[in-house]
């Protein structure tokens, strides 16, 4: 009888360990899938930009049409929707991107007339630098609806307050 209790206890312990390993591996896989599309991005959490929720003024706005859409050749993965964002003359253009929840987003950030940076609030939480005349591409999954502020952090023309938002609906 005592041996039977020990075996049952051992079996329960094995099940707990196997479930724990499965949960850990599943979490590690999810993190790797949500990684940015490009290695040009320094994933530094923004400290000066705040995140807000969708406002009533976002309700009637139309989605920003992507400049390009990339399809997974295998047909198994999600499509990637590409958007262009330009920094020029101390401003971002457009200063607001409205994307659909669930999209895999690629942003091509171009610095037209000087070096610029872009800091996006968490949970997107990216910091990107584009040198004058260059394009820095980065990506993220638009998994969580909300209004995510972005701003110039360090490489801003003097006196300009460069701000914008990515709205995920």
C-alpha atoms as a PDB file:
ATOM      1  CA  UNK A   1       0.000   0.000   0.000  1.00  0.00           C
ATOM      2  CA  UNK A   2       2.841   2.361   0.923  1.00  0.00           C
ATOM      3  CA  UNK A   3       4.617   1.563  -2.360  1.00  0.00           C
ATOM      4  CA  UNK A   4       1.476   2.392  -4.314  1.00  0.00           C
ATOM      5  CA  UNK A   5       1.202   5.847  -2.660  1.00  0.00           C
ATOM      6  CA  UNK A   6       4.865   6.512  -3.485  1.00  0.00           C
ATOM      7  CA  UNK A   7       4.326   5.565  -7.147  1.00  0.00           C
ATOM      8  CA  UNK A   8       1.250   7.797  -7.415  1.00  0.00           C
ATOM      9  CA  UNK A   9       3.203  10.684  -5.875  1.00  0.00           C
ATOM     10  CA  UNK A  10       6.069  10.089  -8.306  1.00  0.00           C
ATOM     11  CA  UNK A  11       3.694  10.030 -11.282  1.00  0.00           C
ATOM     12  CA  UNK A  12       2.070  13.302 -10.187  1.00  0.00           C
ATOM     13  CA  UNK A  13       5.528  14.870  -9.844  1.00  0.00           C
ATOM     14  CA  UNK A  14       6.495  13.743 -13.356  1.00  0.00           C
ATOM     15  CA  UNK A  15       3.266  15.196 -14.797  1.00  0.00           C
ATOM     16  CA  UNK A  16       3.906  18.541 -13.059  1.00  0.00           C
ATOM     17  CA  UNK A  17       7.462  18.680 -14.432  1.00  0.00           C
ATOM     18  CA  UNK A  18       6.326  17.798 -17.983  1.00  0.00           C
ATOM     19  CA  UNK A  19       3.574  20.450 -17.904  1.00  0.00           C
ATOM     20  CA  UNK A  20       6.055  23.017 -16.556  1.00  0.00           C
ATOM     21  CA  UNK A  21       8.518  22.277 -19.357  1.00  0.00           C
ATOM     22  CA  UNK A  22       5.745  22.488 -21.971  1.00  0.00           C
ATOM     23  CA  UNK A  23       4.642  25.887 -20.647  1.00  0.00           C
ATOM     24  CA  UNK A  24       8.231  27.164 -20.614  1.00  0.00           C
ATOM     25  CA  UNK A  25       8.917  25.993 -24.176  1.00  0.00           C
ATOM     26  CA  UNK A  26       5.599  27.456 -25.363  1.00  0.00           C
ATOM     27  CA  UNK A  27       6.489  30.837 -23.810  1.00  0.00           C
ATOM     28  CA  UNK A  28       9.969  30.806 -25.375  1.00  0.00           C
ATOM     29  CA  UNK A  29       8.480  30.047 -28.806  1.00  0.00           C
ATOM     30  CA  UNK A  30       5.989  32.895 -28.481  1.00  0.00           C
ATOM     31  CA  UNK A  31       8.788  35.352 -27.679  1.00  0.00           C
ATOM     32  CA  UNK A  32      10.785  34.290 -30.728  1.00  0.00           C
ATOM     33  CA  UNK A  33       7.759  34.695 -33.011  1.00  0.00           C
ATOM     34  CA  UNK A  34       7.120  38.229 -31.741  1.00  0.00           C
ATOM     35  CA  UNK A  35      10.672  39.429 -32.401  1.00  0.00           C
ATOM     36  CA  UNK A  36      11.130  42.452 -34.690  1.00  0.00           C
ATOM     37  CA  UNK A  37      11.385  41.748 -38.407  1.00  0.00           C
ATOM     38  CA  UNK A  38      14.743  43.488 -38.715  1.00  0.00           C
ATOM     39  CA  UNK A  39      17.937  43.397 -36.687  1.00  0.00           C
ATOM     40  CA  UNK A  40      18.438  47.153 -37.337  1.00  0.00           C
ATOM     41  CA  UNK A  41      16.445  47.864 -34.177  1.00  0.00           C
ATOM     42  CA  UNK A  42      17.842  48.447 -30.719  1.00  0.00           C
ATOM     43  CA  UNK A  43      15.081  47.171 -28.439  1.00  0.00           C
ATOM     44  CA  UNK A  44      15.538  49.742 -25.660  1.00  0.00           C
ATOM     45  CA  UNK A  45      12.427  50.416 -23.586  1.00  0.00           C
ATOM     46  CA  UNK A  46      11.345  54.036 -24.022  1.00  0.00           C
ATOM     47  CA  UNK A  47      11.442  56.172 -20.913  1.00  0.00           C
ATOM     48  CA  UNK A  48      10.023  59.486 -22.099  1.00  0.00           C
ATOM     49  CA  UNK A  49       6.997  58.347 -24.092  1.00  0.00           C
ATOM     50  CA  UNK A  50       3.671  57.392 -22.568  1.00  0.00           C
ATOM     51  CA  UNK A  51       1.079  54.941 -23.804  1.00  0.00           C
ATOM     52  CA  UNK A  52      -2.594  55.793 -23.960  1.00  0.00           C
ATOM     53  CA  UNK A  53      -5.749  53.949 -24.804  1.00  0.00           C
ATOM     54  CA  UNK A  54      -7.918  54.485 -27.838  1.00  0.00           C
ATOM     55  CA  UNK A  55      -9.766  57.760 -27.623  1.00  0.00           C
ATOM     56  CA  UNK A  56     -13.199  58.679 -28.939  1.00  0.00           C
ATOM     57  CA  UNK A  57     -11.483  60.698 -31.686  1.00  0.00           C
ATOM     58  CA  UNK A  58      -9.894  57.461 -33.016  1.00  0.00           C
ATOM     59  CA  UNK A  59     -13.292  55.821 -33.545  1.00  0.00           C
ATOM     60  CA  UNK A  60     -14.154  57.313 -36.937  1.00  0.00           C
ATOM     61  CA  UNK A  61     -10.670  57.318 -38.459  1.00  0.00           C
ATOM     62  CA  UNK A  62      -9.916  55.063 -41.394  1.00  0.00           C
ATOM     63  CA  UNK A  63      -7.035  52.622 -41.407  1.00  0.00           C
ATOM     64  CA  UNK A  64      -3.791  53.839 -42.941  1.00  0.00           C
ATOM     65  CA  UNK A  65      -3.353  51.930 -46.195  1.00  0.00           C
ATOM     66  CA  UNK A  66      -0.071  50.005 -46.336  1.00  0.00           C
ATOM     67  CA  UNK A  67       2.420  50.929 -49.049  1.00  0.00           C
ATOM     68  CA  UNK A  68       3.139  47.265 -49.666  1.00  0.00           C
ATOM     69  CA  UNK A  69       2.042  43.838 -48.451  1.00  0.00           C
ATOM     70  CA  UNK A  70       4.373  40.861 -48.279  1.00  0.00           C
ATOM     71  CA  UNK A  71       2.809  37.416 -48.390  1.00  0.00           C
ATOM     72  CA  UNK A  72       4.368  34.351 -46.801  1.00  0.00           C
ATOM     73  CA  UNK A  73       5.321  32.146 -49.778  1.00  0.00           C
ATOM     74  CA  UNK A  74       4.329  29.008 -47.874  1.00  0.00           C
ATOM     75  CA  UNK A  75       0.873  30.429 -47.195  1.00  0.00           C
ATOM     76  CA  UNK A  76       1.175  29.400 -43.539  1.00  0.00           C
ATOM     77  CA  UNK A  77       2.462  32.617 -41.950  1.00  0.00           C
ATOM     78  CA  UNK A  78       0.824  36.015 -41.640  1.00  0.00           C
ATOM     79  CA  UNK A  79       1.138  38.709 -44.269  1.00  0.00           C
ATOM     80  CA  UNK A  80       3.352  41.679 -43.427  1.00  0.00           C
ATOM     81  CA  UNK A  81       1.920  45.145 -44.016  1.00  0.00           C
ATOM     82  CA  UNK A  82       4.569  47.764 -44.823  1.00  0.00           C
ATOM     83  CA  UNK A  83       4.195  51.480 -43.948  1.00  0.00           C
ATOM     84  CA  UNK A  84       6.504  54.416 -44.710  1.00  0.00           C
ATOM     85  CA  UNK A  85       7.304  57.009 -42.035  1.00  0.00           C
ATOM     86  CA  UNK A  86       9.529  59.998 -42.850  1.00  0.00           C
ATOM     87  CA  UNK A  87      11.298  62.425 -40.515  1.00  0.00           C
ATOM     88  CA  UNK A  88      11.995  65.754 -42.201  1.00  0.00           C
ATOM     89  CA  UNK A  89      12.119  69.377 -41.123  1.00  0.00           C
ATOM     90  CA  UNK A  90      11.535  68.518 -37.471  1.00  0.00           C
ATOM     91  CA  UNK A  91       8.337  66.530 -38.056  1.00  0.00           C
ATOM     92  CA  UNK A  92       7.143  62.986 -38.726  1.00  0.00           C
ATOM     93  CA  UNK A  93       5.047  62.317 -41.810  1.00  0.00           C
ATOM     94  CA  UNK A  94       2.536  60.875 -41.344  1.00  0.00           C
ATOM     95  CA  UNK A  95       2.353  61.662 -37.644  1.00  0.00           C
ATOM     96  CA  UNK A  96      -0.250  58.957 -37.111  1.00  0.00           C
ATOM     97  CA  UNK A  97      -0.489  55.407 -38.441  1.00  0.00           C
ATOM     98  CA  UNK A  98      -3.727  53.495 -37.933  1.00  0.00           C
ATOM     99  CA  UNK A  99      -3.345  49.729 -38.304  1.00  0.00           C
ATOM    100  CA  UNK A 100      -5.600  46.750 -37.736  1.00  0.00           C
ATOM    101  CA  UNK A 101      -5.168  44.609 -34.650  1.00  0.00           C
ATOM    102  CA  UNK A 102      -3.531  41.313 -35.570  1.00  0.00           C
ATOM    103  CA  UNK A 103      -1.446  42.716 -38.450  1.00  0.00           C
ATOM    104  CA  UNK A 104       2.265  42.013 -38.690  1.00  0.00           C
ATOM    105  CA  UNK A 105       3.604  45.526 -39.312  1.00  0.00           C
ATOM    106  CA  UNK A 106       6.834  46.700 -40.942  1.00  0.00           C
ATOM    107  CA  UNK A 107       7.712  50.394 -40.735  1.00  0.00           C
ATOM    108  CA  UNK A 108      10.295  51.914 -43.070  1.00  0.00           C
ATOM    109  CA  UNK A 109      11.596  54.925 -41.114  1.00  0.00           C
ATOM    110  CA  UNK A 110      13.393  57.416 -43.389  1.00  0.00           C
ATOM    111  CA  UNK A 111      15.545  60.318 -42.200  1.00  0.00           C
ATOM    112  CA  UNK A 112      15.268  62.776 -45.086  1.00  0.00           C
ATOM    113  CA  UNK A 113      17.343  65.820 -44.075  1.00  0.00           C
ATOM    114  CA  UNK A 114      19.226  64.911 -40.858  1.00  0.00           C
ATOM    115  CA  UNK A 115      19.805  62.042 -38.408  1.00  0.00           C
ATOM    116  CA  UNK A 116      16.620  61.230 -36.455  1.00  0.00           C
ATOM    117  CA  UNK A 117      15.491  58.757 -33.849  1.00  0.00           C
ATOM    118  CA  UNK A 118      12.122  57.298 -32.981  1.00  0.00           C
ATOM    119  CA  UNK A 119      11.020  55.962 -29.617  1.00  0.00           C
ATOM    120  CA  UNK A 120       7.773  53.971 -29.419  1.00  0.00           C
ATOM    121  CA  UNK A 121       5.957  53.350 -26.143  1.00  0.00           C
ATOM    122  CA  UNK A 122       5.542  49.836 -24.699  1.00  0.00           C
ATOM    123  CA  UNK A 123       4.304  47.212 -25.323  1.00  0.00           C
ATOM    124  CA  UNK A 124       5.750  47.889 -28.788  1.00  0.00           C
ATOM    125  CA  UNK A 125       8.704  49.470 -26.975  1.00  0.00           C
ATOM    126  CA  UNK A 126      11.256  50.114 -29.720  1.00  0.00           C
ATOM    127  CA  UNK A 127      14.031  52.649 -30.222  1.00  0.00           C
ATOM    128  CA  UNK A 128      15.248  53.218 -33.792  1.00  0.00           C
ATOM    129  CA  UNK A 129      17.887  55.511 -35.329  1.00  0.00           C
ATOM    130  CA  UNK A 130      17.907  56.493 -39.010  1.00  0.00           C
ATOM    131  CA  UNK A 131      20.891  58.340 -40.458  1.00  0.00           C
ATOM    132  CA  UNK A 132      20.391  61.185 -42.948  1.00  0.00           C
ATOM    133  CA  UNK A 133      19.208  59.802 -46.288  1.00  0.00           C
ATOM    134  CA  UNK A 134      18.825  56.247 -44.966  1.00  0.00           C
ATOM    135  CA  UNK A 135      15.863  54.036 -44.139  1.00  0.00           C
ATOM    136  CA  UNK A 136      15.736  51.939 -40.954  1.00  0.00           C
ATOM    137  CA  UNK A 137      13.125  49.178 -41.221  1.00  0.00           C
ATOM    138  CA  UNK A 138      11.647  47.477 -38.181  1.00  0.00           C
ATOM    139  CA  UNK A 139       8.603  45.415 -37.392  1.00  0.00           C
ATOM    140  CA  UNK A 140       6.222  44.291 -34.693  1.00  0.00           C
ATOM    141  CA  UNK A 141       2.956  42.417 -34.243  1.00  0.00           C
ATOM    142  CA  UNK A 142      -0.039  44.718 -33.713  1.00  0.00           C
ATOM    143  CA  UNK A 143      -1.352  42.383 -31.052  1.00  0.00           C
ATOM    144  CA  UNK A 144      -2.847  44.776 -28.506  1.00  0.00           C
ATOM    145  CA  UNK A 145      -5.342  47.519 -29.379  1.00  0.00           C
ATOM    146  CA  UNK A 146      -4.403  50.966 -28.154  1.00  0.00           C
ATOM    147  CA  UNK A 147      -2.783  54.272 -28.977  1.00  0.00           C
ATOM    148  CA  UNK A 148       1.011  54.069 -28.751  1.00  0.00           C
ATOM    149  CA  UNK A 149       2.822  57.378 -28.735  1.00  0.00           C
ATOM    150  CA  UNK A 150       6.148  57.811 -30.497  1.00  0.00           C
ATOM    151  CA  UNK A 151       8.543  60.717 -30.243  1.00  0.00           C
ATOM    152  CA  UNK A 152      12.004  61.928 -31.066  1.00  0.00           C
ATOM    153  CA  UNK A 153      14.186  61.272 -28.048  1.00  0.00           C
ATOM    154  CA  UNK A 154      17.794  62.376 -28.652  1.00  0.00           C
ATOM    155  CA  UNK A 155      18.320  63.323 -32.320  1.00  0.00           C
ATOM    156  CA  UNK A 156      15.704  66.043 -32.633  1.00  0.00           C
ATOM    157  CA  UNK A 157      16.244  69.350 -34.411  1.00  0.00           C
ATOM    158  CA  UNK A 158      16.601  72.067 -31.776  1.00  0.00           C
ATOM    159  CA  UNK A 159      13.303  73.449 -30.594  1.00  0.00           C
ATOM    160  CA  UNK A 160      11.152  70.828 -32.312  1.00  0.00           C
ATOM    161  CA  UNK A 161       8.838  68.557 -30.406  1.00  0.00           C
ATOM    162  CA  UNK A 162       8.449  65.632 -32.773  1.00  0.00           C
ATOM    163  CA  UNK A 163       5.561  63.372 -31.775  1.00  0.00           C
ATOM    164  CA  UNK A 164       3.136  60.958 -33.317  1.00  0.00           C
ATOM    165  CA  UNK A 165       1.116  57.830 -32.626  1.00  0.00           C
ATOM    166  CA  UNK A 166       0.505  54.313 -33.848  1.00  0.00           C
ATOM    167  CA  UNK A 167      -3.136  53.437 -33.338  1.00  0.00           C
ATOM    168  CA  UNK A 168      -4.002  49.753 -33.299  1.00  0.00           C
ATOM    169  CA  UNK A 169      -7.751  49.075 -33.737  1.00  0.00           C
END
